[in-house]
Amino acid sequence: LGRSQWSADGYYQGLIDDFRIYNKALSAGEVRYLGGDR
């Protein structure tokens, strides 16, 4: 989590406050809803 799949890219230089794992691909509307755009 936070690392690119390509070795030439650097590591993510930030903080991850919260993450979730879903068993399906989310629609754009679901992502907006979960992001607080209600």
PDB file of N, CA and C in Angstrom:
ATOM      1  N   LEU A   1       0.852  -1.177   0.000  1.00  0.00           N
ATOM      2  CA  LEU A   1       0.000   0.000   0.000  1.00  0.00           C
ATOM      3  C   LEU A   1       0.891   1.230   0.000  1.00  0.00           C
ATOM      4  N   GLY A   2       0.688   2.106  -0.965  1.00  0.00           N
ATOM      5  CA  GLY A   2       1.466   3.329  -1.035  1.00  0.00           C
ATOM      6  C   GLY A   2       2.721   3.220  -1.872  1.00  0.00           C
ATOM      7  N   ARG A   3       2.903   2.127  -2.576  1.00  0.00           N
ATOM      8  CA  ARG A   3       4.084   1.960  -3.415  1.00  0.00           C
ATOM      9  C   ARG A   3       3.645   1.674  -4.848  1.00  0.00           C
ATOM     10  N   SER A   4       4.357   2.275  -5.783  1.00  0.00           N
ATOM     11  CA  SER A   4       4.049   2.065  -7.194  1.00  0.00           C
ATOM     12  C   SER A   4       4.425   0.652  -7.617  1.00  0.00           C
ATOM     13  N   GLN A   5       3.792   0.183  -8.656  1.00  0.00           N
ATOM     14  CA  GLN A   5       4.145  -1.127  -9.189  1.00  0.00           C
ATOM     15  C   GLN A   5       5.388  -1.071 -10.077  1.00  0.00           C
ATOM     16  N   TRP A   6       5.866   0.136 -10.387  1.00  0.00           N
ATOM     17  CA  TRP A   6       7.058   0.307 -11.209  1.00  0.00           C
ATOM     18  C   TRP A   6       8.245   0.658 -10.322  1.00  0.00           C
ATOM     19  N   SER A   7       9.343  -0.037 -10.480  1.00  0.00           N
ATOM     20  CA  SER A   7      10.496   0.122  -9.591  1.00  0.00           C
ATOM     21  C   SER A   7      11.163   1.491  -9.708  1.00  0.00           C
ATOM     22  N   ALA A   8      11.012   2.187 -10.828  1.00  0.00           N
ATOM     23  CA  ALA A   8      11.638   3.500 -10.993  1.00  0.00           C
ATOM     24  C   ALA A   8      10.927   4.584 -10.193  1.00  0.00           C
ATOM     25  N   ASP A   9       9.694   4.356  -9.793  1.00  0.00           N
ATOM     26  CA  ASP A   9       8.944   5.339  -9.011  1.00  0.00           C
ATOM     27  C   ASP A   9       9.358   5.267  -7.550  1.00  0.00           C
ATOM     28  N   GLY A  10       9.319   6.399  -6.888  1.00  0.00           N
ATOM     29  CA  GLY A  10       9.644   6.438  -5.467  1.00  0.00           C
ATOM     30  C   GLY A  10       8.470   6.002  -4.604  1.00  0.00           C
ATOM     31  N   TYR A  11       8.711   5.963  -3.316  1.00  0.00           N
ATOM     32  CA  TYR A  11       7.662   5.617  -2.361  1.00  0.00           C
ATOM     33  C   TYR A  11       6.735   6.804  -2.143  1.00  0.00           C
ATOM     34  N   TYR A  12       5.531   6.542  -1.718  1.00  0.00           N
ATOM     35  CA  TYR A  12       4.560   7.581  -1.372  1.00  0.00           C
ATOM     36  C   TYR A  12       5.078   8.335  -0.160  1.00  0.00           C
ATOM     37  N   GLN A  13       5.206   9.645  -0.271  1.00  0.00           N
ATOM     38  CA  GLN A  13       5.749  10.474   0.803  1.00  0.00           C
ATOM     39  C   GLN A  13       4.626  11.240   1.495  1.00  0.00           C
ATOM     40  N   GLY A  14       3.734  10.550   2.129  1.00  0.00           N
ATOM     41  CA  GLY A  14       2.613  11.195   2.799  1.00  0.00           C
ATOM     42  C   GLY A  14       2.040  10.281   3.859  1.00  0.00           C
ATOM     43  N   LEU A  15       0.879  10.659   4.342  1.00  0.00           N
ATOM     44  CA  LEU A  15       0.195   9.881   5.361  1.00  0.00           C
ATOM     45  C   LEU A  15      -1.095   9.314   4.790  1.00  0.00           C
ATOM     46  N   ILE A  16      -1.443   8.137   5.221  1.00  0.00           N
ATOM     47  CA  ILE A  16      -2.720   7.528   4.849  1.00  0.00           C
ATOM     48  C   ILE A  16      -3.530   7.412   6.128  1.00  0.00           C
ATOM     49  N   ASP A  17      -4.614   8.165   6.189  1.00  0.00           N
ATOM     50  CA  ASP A  17      -5.432   8.210   7.397  1.00  0.00           C
ATOM     51  C   ASP A  17      -6.381   7.022   7.488  1.00  0.00           C
ATOM     52  N   ASP A  18      -6.936   6.631   6.369  1.00  0.00           N
ATOM     53  CA  ASP A  18      -7.959   5.591   6.376  1.00  0.00           C
ATOM     54  C   ASP A  18      -7.951   4.897   5.020  1.00  0.00           C
ATOM     55  N   PHE A  19      -8.110   3.614   5.016  1.00  0.00           N
ATOM     56  CA  PHE A  19      -8.277   2.898   3.750  1.00  0.00           C
ATOM     57  C   PHE A  19      -9.254   1.759   3.954  1.00  0.00           C
ATOM     58  N   ARG A  20      -9.872   1.373   2.871  1.00  0.00           N
ATOM     59  CA  ARG A  20     -10.873   0.311   2.912  1.00  0.00           C
ATOM     60  C   ARG A  20     -10.633  -0.642   1.755  1.00  0.00           C
ATOM     61  N   ILE A  21     -10.999  -1.876   1.957  1.00  0.00           N
ATOM     62  CA  ILE A  21     -10.891  -2.887   0.909  1.00  0.00           C
ATOM     63  C   ILE A  21     -12.297  -3.392   0.605  1.00  0.00           C
ATOM     64  N   TYR A  22     -12.655  -3.356  -0.664  1.00  0.00           N
ATOM     65  CA  TYR A  22     -13.972  -3.811  -1.099  1.00  0.00           C
ATOM     66  C   TYR A  22     -13.812  -5.037  -1.984  1.00  0.00           C
ATOM     67  N   ASN A  23     -14.851  -5.833  -2.053  1.00  0.00           N
ATOM     68  CA  ASN A  23     -14.803  -7.039  -2.881  1.00  0.00           C
ATOM     69  C   ASN A  23     -15.381  -6.805  -4.273  1.00  0.00           C
ATOM     70  N   LYS A  24     -15.471  -5.537  -4.674  1.00  0.00           N
ATOM     71  CA  LYS A  24     -15.950  -5.179  -6.010  1.00  0.00           C
ATOM     72  C   LYS A  24     -15.378  -3.822  -6.387  1.00  0.00           C
ATOM     73  N   ALA A  25     -15.443  -3.508  -7.662  1.00  0.00           N
ATOM     74  CA  ALA A  25     -15.049  -2.176  -8.118  1.00  0.00           C
ATOM     75  C   ALA A  25     -16.180  -1.210  -7.788  1.00  0.00           C
ATOM     76  N   LEU A  26     -15.844  -0.077  -7.199  1.00  0.00           N
ATOM     77  CA  LEU A  26     -16.860   0.910  -6.843  1.00  0.00           C
ATOM     78  C   LEU A  26     -17.174   1.800  -8.037  1.00  0.00           C
ATOM     79  N   SER A  27     -18.418   2.209  -8.140  1.00  0.00           N
ATOM     80  CA  SER A  27     -18.813   3.149  -9.188  1.00  0.00           C
ATOM     81  C   SER A  27     -18.348   4.545  -8.790  1.00  0.00           C
ATOM     82  N   ALA A  28     -18.351   5.462  -9.736  1.00  0.00           N
ATOM     83  CA  ALA A  28     -17.961   6.838  -9.445  1.00  0.00           C
ATOM     84  C   ALA A  28     -18.877   7.439  -8.377  1.00  0.00           C
ATOM     85  N   GLY A  29     -20.156   7.129  -8.435  1.00  0.00           N
ATOM     86  CA  GLY A  29     -21.102   7.632  -7.441  1.00  0.00           C
ATOM     87  C   GLY A  29     -20.820   7.100  -6.047  1.00  0.00           C
ATOM     88  N   GLU A  30     -20.455   5.836  -5.959  1.00  0.00           N
ATOM     89  CA  GLU A  30     -20.125   5.248  -4.655  1.00  0.00           C
ATOM     90  C   GLU A  30     -18.869   5.892  -4.068  1.00  0.00           C
ATOM     91  N   VAL A  31     -17.883   6.151  -4.905  1.00  0.00           N
ATOM     92  CA  VAL A  31     -16.656   6.804  -4.432  1.00  0.00           C
ATOM     93  C   VAL A  31     -16.963   8.212  -3.945  1.00  0.00           C
ATOM     94  N   ARG A  32     -17.775   8.956  -4.696  1.00  0.00           N
ATOM     95  CA  ARG A  32     -18.154  10.310  -4.266  1.00  0.00           C
ATOM     96  C   ARG A  32     -18.890  10.269  -2.935  1.00  0.00           C
ATOM     97  N   TYR A  33     -19.814   9.336  -2.789  1.00  0.00           N
ATOM     98  CA  TYR A  33     -20.577   9.206  -1.549  1.00  0.00           C
ATOM     99  C   TYR A  33     -19.650   8.907  -0.371  1.00  0.00           C
ATOM    100  N   LEU A  34     -18.761   7.960  -0.546  1.00  0.00           N
ATOM    101  CA  LEU A  34     -17.843   7.591   0.529  1.00  0.00           C
ATOM    102  C   LEU A  34     -16.853   8.707   0.847  1.00  0.00           C
ATOM    103  N   GLY A  35     -16.579   9.564  -0.137  1.00  0.00           N
ATOM    104  CA  GLY A  35     -15.681  10.693   0.073  1.00  0.00           C
ATOM    105  C   GLY A  35     -16.354  11.879   0.729  1.00  0.00           C
ATOM    106  N   GLY A  36     -17.630  11.770   1.020  1.00  0.00           N
ATOM    107  CA  GLY A  36     -18.332  12.834   1.720  1.00  0.00           C
ATOM    108  C   GLY A  36     -19.097  13.782   0.829  1.00  0.00           C
ATOM    109  N   ASP A  37     -19.130  13.528  -0.473  1.00  0.00           N
ATOM    110  CA  ASP A  37     -19.864  14.388  -1.407  1.00  0.00           C
ATOM    111  C   ASP A  37     -21.302  13.894  -1.485  1.00  0.00           C
ATOM    112  N   ARG A  38     -22.058  14.146  -0.412  1.00  0.00           N
ATOM    113  CA  ARG A  38     -23.423  13.603  -0.301  1.00  0.00           C
ATOM    114  C   ARG A  38     -24.465  14.645  -0.595  1.00  0.00           C
TER     115      ARG A  38
END
